[in-house]
């Protein structure tokens, strides 16, 4: 169980950093980090391009993965019997 615990902790760290980066890349209302990478170049406020839709999909998948890793770590810590 210790190997799985370490793998899940590393996966949690990686997904946390990637999720933070992807959330910052999303198009905001008033500019921000997404504008620095070209996010402010889109035409129309309600239309989203292919890149924005793919970014949304990847962010949702990574968020679900992040949540599952947290649940997995919680279950391991709950049922491991103590000192993890």
N, C-alpha and C. Protein backbone atom coordinates (compact mmCIF):
# COMPACT_ATOMS: atom_id res chain seq x y z
N UNK A 1 0.81 -1.21 0.00
CA UNK A 1 0.00 0.00 0.00
C UNK A 1 0.85 1.26 0.00
N UNK A 2 2.08 1.18 0.48
CA UNK A 2 2.93 2.38 0.52
C UNK A 2 3.28 2.87 -0.87
N UNK A 3 3.49 1.96 -1.81
CA UNK A 3 3.84 2.37 -3.18
C UNK A 3 2.65 3.09 -3.81
N UNK A 4 1.45 2.57 -3.63
CA UNK A 4 0.26 3.21 -4.17
C UNK A 4 0.05 4.58 -3.54
N UNK A 5 0.32 4.68 -2.25
CA UNK A 5 0.18 5.96 -1.54
C UNK A 5 1.13 7.00 -2.13
N UNK A 6 2.37 6.62 -2.38
CA UNK A 6 3.36 7.55 -2.93
C UNK A 6 2.98 7.93 -4.36
N UNK A 7 2.54 6.96 -5.16
CA UNK A 7 2.13 7.25 -6.54
C UNK A 7 0.97 8.24 -6.56
N UNK A 8 -0.01 8.03 -5.68
CA UNK A 8 -1.15 8.94 -5.63
C UNK A 8 -0.76 10.33 -5.15
N UNK A 9 0.19 10.41 -4.23
CA UNK A 9 0.65 11.73 -3.78
C UNK A 9 1.38 12.48 -4.88
N UNK A 10 2.22 11.78 -5.64
CA UNK A 10 2.91 12.42 -6.76
C UNK A 10 1.90 12.84 -7.82
N UNK A 11 0.93 11.97 -8.11
CA UNK A 11 -0.11 12.30 -9.09
C UNK A 11 -0.94 13.49 -8.62
N UNK A 12 -1.19 13.59 -7.33
CA UNK A 12 -1.92 14.73 -6.78
C UNK A 12 -1.15 16.03 -6.97
N UNK A 13 0.14 15.99 -6.74
CA UNK A 13 0.96 17.18 -6.94
C UNK A 13 0.99 17.63 -8.39
N UNK A 14 1.16 16.68 -9.30
CA UNK A 14 1.21 17.01 -10.72
C UNK A 14 -0.12 17.54 -11.20
N UNK A 15 -1.22 16.87 -10.83
CA UNK A 15 -2.53 17.32 -11.29
C UNK A 15 -2.90 18.67 -10.67
N UNK A 16 -2.47 18.92 -9.46
CA UNK A 16 -2.76 20.21 -8.83
C UNK A 16 -2.08 21.35 -9.57
N UNK A 17 -0.81 21.16 -9.92
CA UNK A 17 -0.09 22.20 -10.66
C UNK A 17 -0.68 22.41 -12.06
N UNK A 18 -0.97 21.31 -12.75
CA UNK A 18 -1.54 21.43 -14.09
C UNK A 18 -2.93 22.06 -14.06
N UNK A 19 -3.73 21.70 -13.07
CA UNK A 19 -5.07 22.25 -12.96
C UNK A 19 -5.01 23.76 -12.70
N UNK A 20 -4.09 24.17 -11.86
CA UNK A 20 -3.92 25.60 -11.59
C UNK A 20 -3.52 26.34 -12.87
N UNK A 21 -2.59 25.78 -13.61
CA UNK A 21 -2.14 26.40 -14.86
C UNK A 21 -3.28 26.48 -15.87
N UNK A 22 -4.04 25.40 -16.01
CA UNK A 22 -5.13 25.39 -16.99
C UNK A 22 -6.24 26.37 -16.62
N UNK A 23 -6.52 26.48 -15.35
CA UNK A 23 -7.55 27.44 -14.92
C UNK A 23 -7.10 28.87 -15.21
N UNK A 24 -5.82 29.14 -15.03
CA UNK A 24 -5.31 30.48 -15.33
C UNK A 24 -5.30 30.78 -16.83
N UNK A 25 -5.26 29.75 -17.66
CA UNK A 25 -5.25 29.95 -19.10
C UNK A 25 -6.64 30.24 -19.67
N UNK A 26 -7.69 29.97 -18.92
CA UNK A 26 -9.04 30.20 -19.43
C UNK A 26 -9.29 31.69 -19.66
N UNK A 27 -10.16 31.95 -20.61
CA UNK A 27 -10.51 33.33 -20.94
C UNK A 27 -11.34 33.91 -19.81
N UNK A 28 -10.87 35.02 -19.28
CA UNK A 28 -11.58 35.67 -18.19
C UNK A 28 -12.41 36.83 -18.69
N UNK A 29 -13.08 37.47 -17.79
CA UNK A 29 -13.92 38.62 -18.16
C UNK A 29 -13.08 39.85 -18.43
N UNK A 30 -12.09 40.10 -17.57
CA UNK A 30 -11.36 41.34 -17.69
C UNK A 30 -9.89 41.17 -17.95
N UNK A 31 -9.52 40.21 -18.78
CA UNK A 31 -8.11 40.01 -19.07
C UNK A 31 -7.45 39.21 -17.96
N UNK A 32 -6.18 39.11 -18.04
CA UNK A 32 -5.43 38.37 -17.05
C UNK A 32 -4.36 37.55 -17.75
N UNK A 33 -4.03 36.43 -17.15
CA UNK A 33 -2.96 35.60 -17.67
C UNK A 33 -3.31 35.00 -19.03
N UNK A 34 -4.60 34.74 -19.27
CA UNK A 34 -4.99 34.19 -20.56
C UNK A 34 -4.75 35.18 -21.69
N UNK A 35 -4.86 36.47 -21.44
CA UNK A 35 -4.58 37.48 -22.46
C UNK A 35 -3.10 37.54 -22.81
N UNK A 36 -2.26 37.22 -21.86
CA UNK A 36 -0.84 37.25 -22.11
C UNK A 36 -0.44 36.18 -23.13
N UNK A 37 -1.16 35.06 -23.17
CA UNK A 37 -0.86 33.98 -24.10
C UNK A 37 -1.76 34.01 -25.33
N UNK A 38 -2.43 35.11 -25.59
CA UNK A 38 -3.23 35.24 -26.79
C UNK A 38 -4.69 34.95 -26.59
N UNK A 39 -5.15 34.80 -25.37
CA UNK A 39 -6.56 34.50 -25.11
C UNK A 39 -7.47 35.67 -25.40
N UNK A 40 -6.95 36.89 -25.45
CA UNK A 40 -7.76 38.06 -25.69
C UNK A 40 -8.00 38.35 -27.16
N UNK A 41 -7.53 37.50 -28.03
CA UNK A 41 -7.65 37.72 -29.46
C UNK A 41 -8.95 37.19 -30.05
N UNK A 42 -9.78 36.54 -29.27
CA UNK A 42 -10.97 35.91 -29.84
C UNK A 42 -12.01 36.96 -30.21
N UNK A 43 -12.80 36.64 -31.23
CA UNK A 43 -13.83 37.57 -31.66
C UNK A 43 -15.17 37.11 -31.14
N UNK A 44 -15.90 37.99 -30.55
CA UNK A 44 -17.21 37.65 -30.00
C UNK A 44 -17.09 37.18 -28.57
N UNK A 45 -18.02 37.60 -27.75
CA UNK A 45 -17.95 37.24 -26.35
C UNK A 45 -18.53 35.86 -26.07
N UNK A 46 -19.56 35.45 -26.81
CA UNK A 46 -20.21 34.18 -26.50
C UNK A 46 -19.66 33.02 -27.30
N UNK A 47 -18.91 33.28 -28.35
CA UNK A 47 -18.40 32.18 -29.16
C UNK A 47 -17.09 31.68 -28.59
N UNK A 48 -16.93 30.36 -28.62
CA UNK A 48 -15.66 29.79 -28.18
C UNK A 48 -15.12 28.92 -29.29
N UNK A 49 -13.86 29.06 -29.54
CA UNK A 49 -13.22 28.33 -30.62
C UNK A 49 -12.89 26.90 -30.21
N UNK A 50 -12.27 26.22 -31.14
CA UNK A 50 -11.90 24.82 -30.91
C UNK A 50 -10.88 24.73 -29.78
N UNK A 51 -9.95 25.66 -29.74
CA UNK A 51 -8.93 25.62 -28.70
C UNK A 51 -9.55 25.82 -27.31
N UNK A 52 -10.51 26.74 -27.22
CA UNK A 52 -11.16 26.99 -25.93
C UNK A 52 -11.97 25.77 -25.49
N UNK A 53 -12.66 25.13 -26.42
CA UNK A 53 -13.44 23.93 -26.08
C UNK A 53 -12.52 22.79 -25.64
N UNK A 54 -11.40 22.64 -26.34
CA UNK A 54 -10.44 21.60 -25.93
C UNK A 54 -9.83 21.90 -24.57
N UNK A 55 -9.56 23.17 -24.30
CA UNK A 55 -9.05 23.56 -23.00
C UNK A 55 -10.07 23.27 -21.91
N UNK A 56 -11.35 23.54 -22.20
CA UNK A 56 -12.41 23.22 -21.24
C UNK A 56 -12.49 21.73 -20.97
N UNK A 57 -12.46 20.93 -22.03
CA UNK A 57 -12.53 19.47 -21.86
C UNK A 57 -11.37 18.95 -21.05
N UNK A 58 -10.16 19.40 -21.39
CA UNK A 58 -8.97 18.93 -20.68
C UNK A 58 -9.01 19.36 -19.21
N UNK A 59 -9.50 20.55 -18.94
CA UNK A 59 -9.60 21.03 -17.57
C UNK A 59 -10.60 20.20 -16.77
N UNK A 60 -11.73 19.87 -17.39
CA UNK A 60 -12.74 19.05 -16.70
C UNK A 60 -12.20 17.65 -16.43
N UNK A 61 -11.55 17.05 -17.42
CA UNK A 61 -10.99 15.71 -17.22
C UNK A 61 -9.92 15.72 -16.14
N UNK A 62 -9.08 16.74 -16.14
CA UNK A 62 -8.03 16.83 -15.12
C UNK A 62 -8.63 17.11 -13.75
N UNK A 63 -9.71 17.89 -13.69
CA UNK A 63 -10.38 18.14 -12.41
C UNK A 63 -11.01 16.89 -11.85
N UNK A 64 -11.62 16.08 -12.70
CA UNK A 64 -12.20 14.81 -12.24
C UNK A 64 -11.11 13.88 -11.76
N UNK A 65 -10.00 13.82 -12.50
CA UNK A 65 -8.86 12.99 -12.08
C UNK A 65 -8.33 13.45 -10.73
N UNK A 66 -8.22 14.76 -10.55
CA UNK A 66 -7.74 15.33 -9.28
C UNK A 66 -8.66 14.92 -8.13
N UNK A 67 -9.97 15.01 -8.36
CA UNK A 67 -10.93 14.61 -7.33
C UNK A 67 -10.85 13.13 -6.99
N UNK A 68 -10.69 12.29 -8.02
CA UNK A 68 -10.58 10.85 -7.78
C UNK A 68 -9.30 10.50 -7.02
N UNK A 69 -8.22 11.20 -7.31
CA UNK A 69 -6.97 10.96 -6.58
C UNK A 69 -7.14 11.34 -5.11
N UNK A 70 -7.84 12.44 -4.84
CA UNK A 70 -8.06 12.84 -3.45
C UNK A 70 -8.92 11.81 -2.73
N UNK A 71 -9.96 11.32 -3.40
CA UNK A 71 -10.81 10.30 -2.79
C UNK A 71 -10.00 9.02 -2.53
N UNK A 72 -9.17 8.65 -3.51
CA UNK A 72 -8.32 7.46 -3.34
C UNK A 72 -7.35 7.60 -2.18
N UNK A 73 -6.72 8.78 -2.06
CA UNK A 73 -5.82 9.01 -0.92
C UNK A 73 -6.57 8.98 0.40
N UNK A 74 -7.77 9.53 0.41
CA UNK A 74 -8.57 9.51 1.64
C UNK A 74 -8.95 8.09 2.04
N UNK A 75 -9.31 7.27 1.06
CA UNK A 75 -9.65 5.88 1.37
C UNK A 75 -8.45 5.09 1.86
N UNK A 76 -7.28 5.33 1.24
CA UNK A 76 -6.07 4.64 1.68
C UNK A 76 -5.74 5.05 3.11
N UNK A 77 -5.81 6.33 3.42
CA UNK A 77 -5.48 6.79 4.76
C UNK A 77 -6.51 6.30 5.77
N UNK A 78 -7.75 6.20 5.36
CA UNK A 78 -8.81 5.74 6.27
C UNK A 78 -8.67 4.26 6.62
N UNK A 79 -8.36 3.44 5.62
CA UNK A 79 -8.36 2.00 5.84
C UNK A 79 -6.99 1.37 5.94
N UNK A 80 -5.94 2.18 5.99
CA UNK A 80 -4.58 1.62 6.08
C UNK A 80 -4.23 1.20 7.49
N UNK A 81 -4.94 1.69 8.46
CA UNK A 81 -4.68 1.26 9.81
C UNK A 81 -3.72 2.13 10.58
N UNK A 82 -3.52 3.34 10.14
CA UNK A 82 -2.79 4.20 11.04
C UNK A 82 -1.72 5.07 10.47
N UNK A 83 -0.48 4.60 10.40
CA UNK A 83 0.67 5.49 10.29
C UNK A 83 1.01 5.98 8.88
N UNK A 84 0.14 5.96 7.90
CA UNK A 84 0.52 6.44 6.57
C UNK A 84 0.64 7.88 6.57
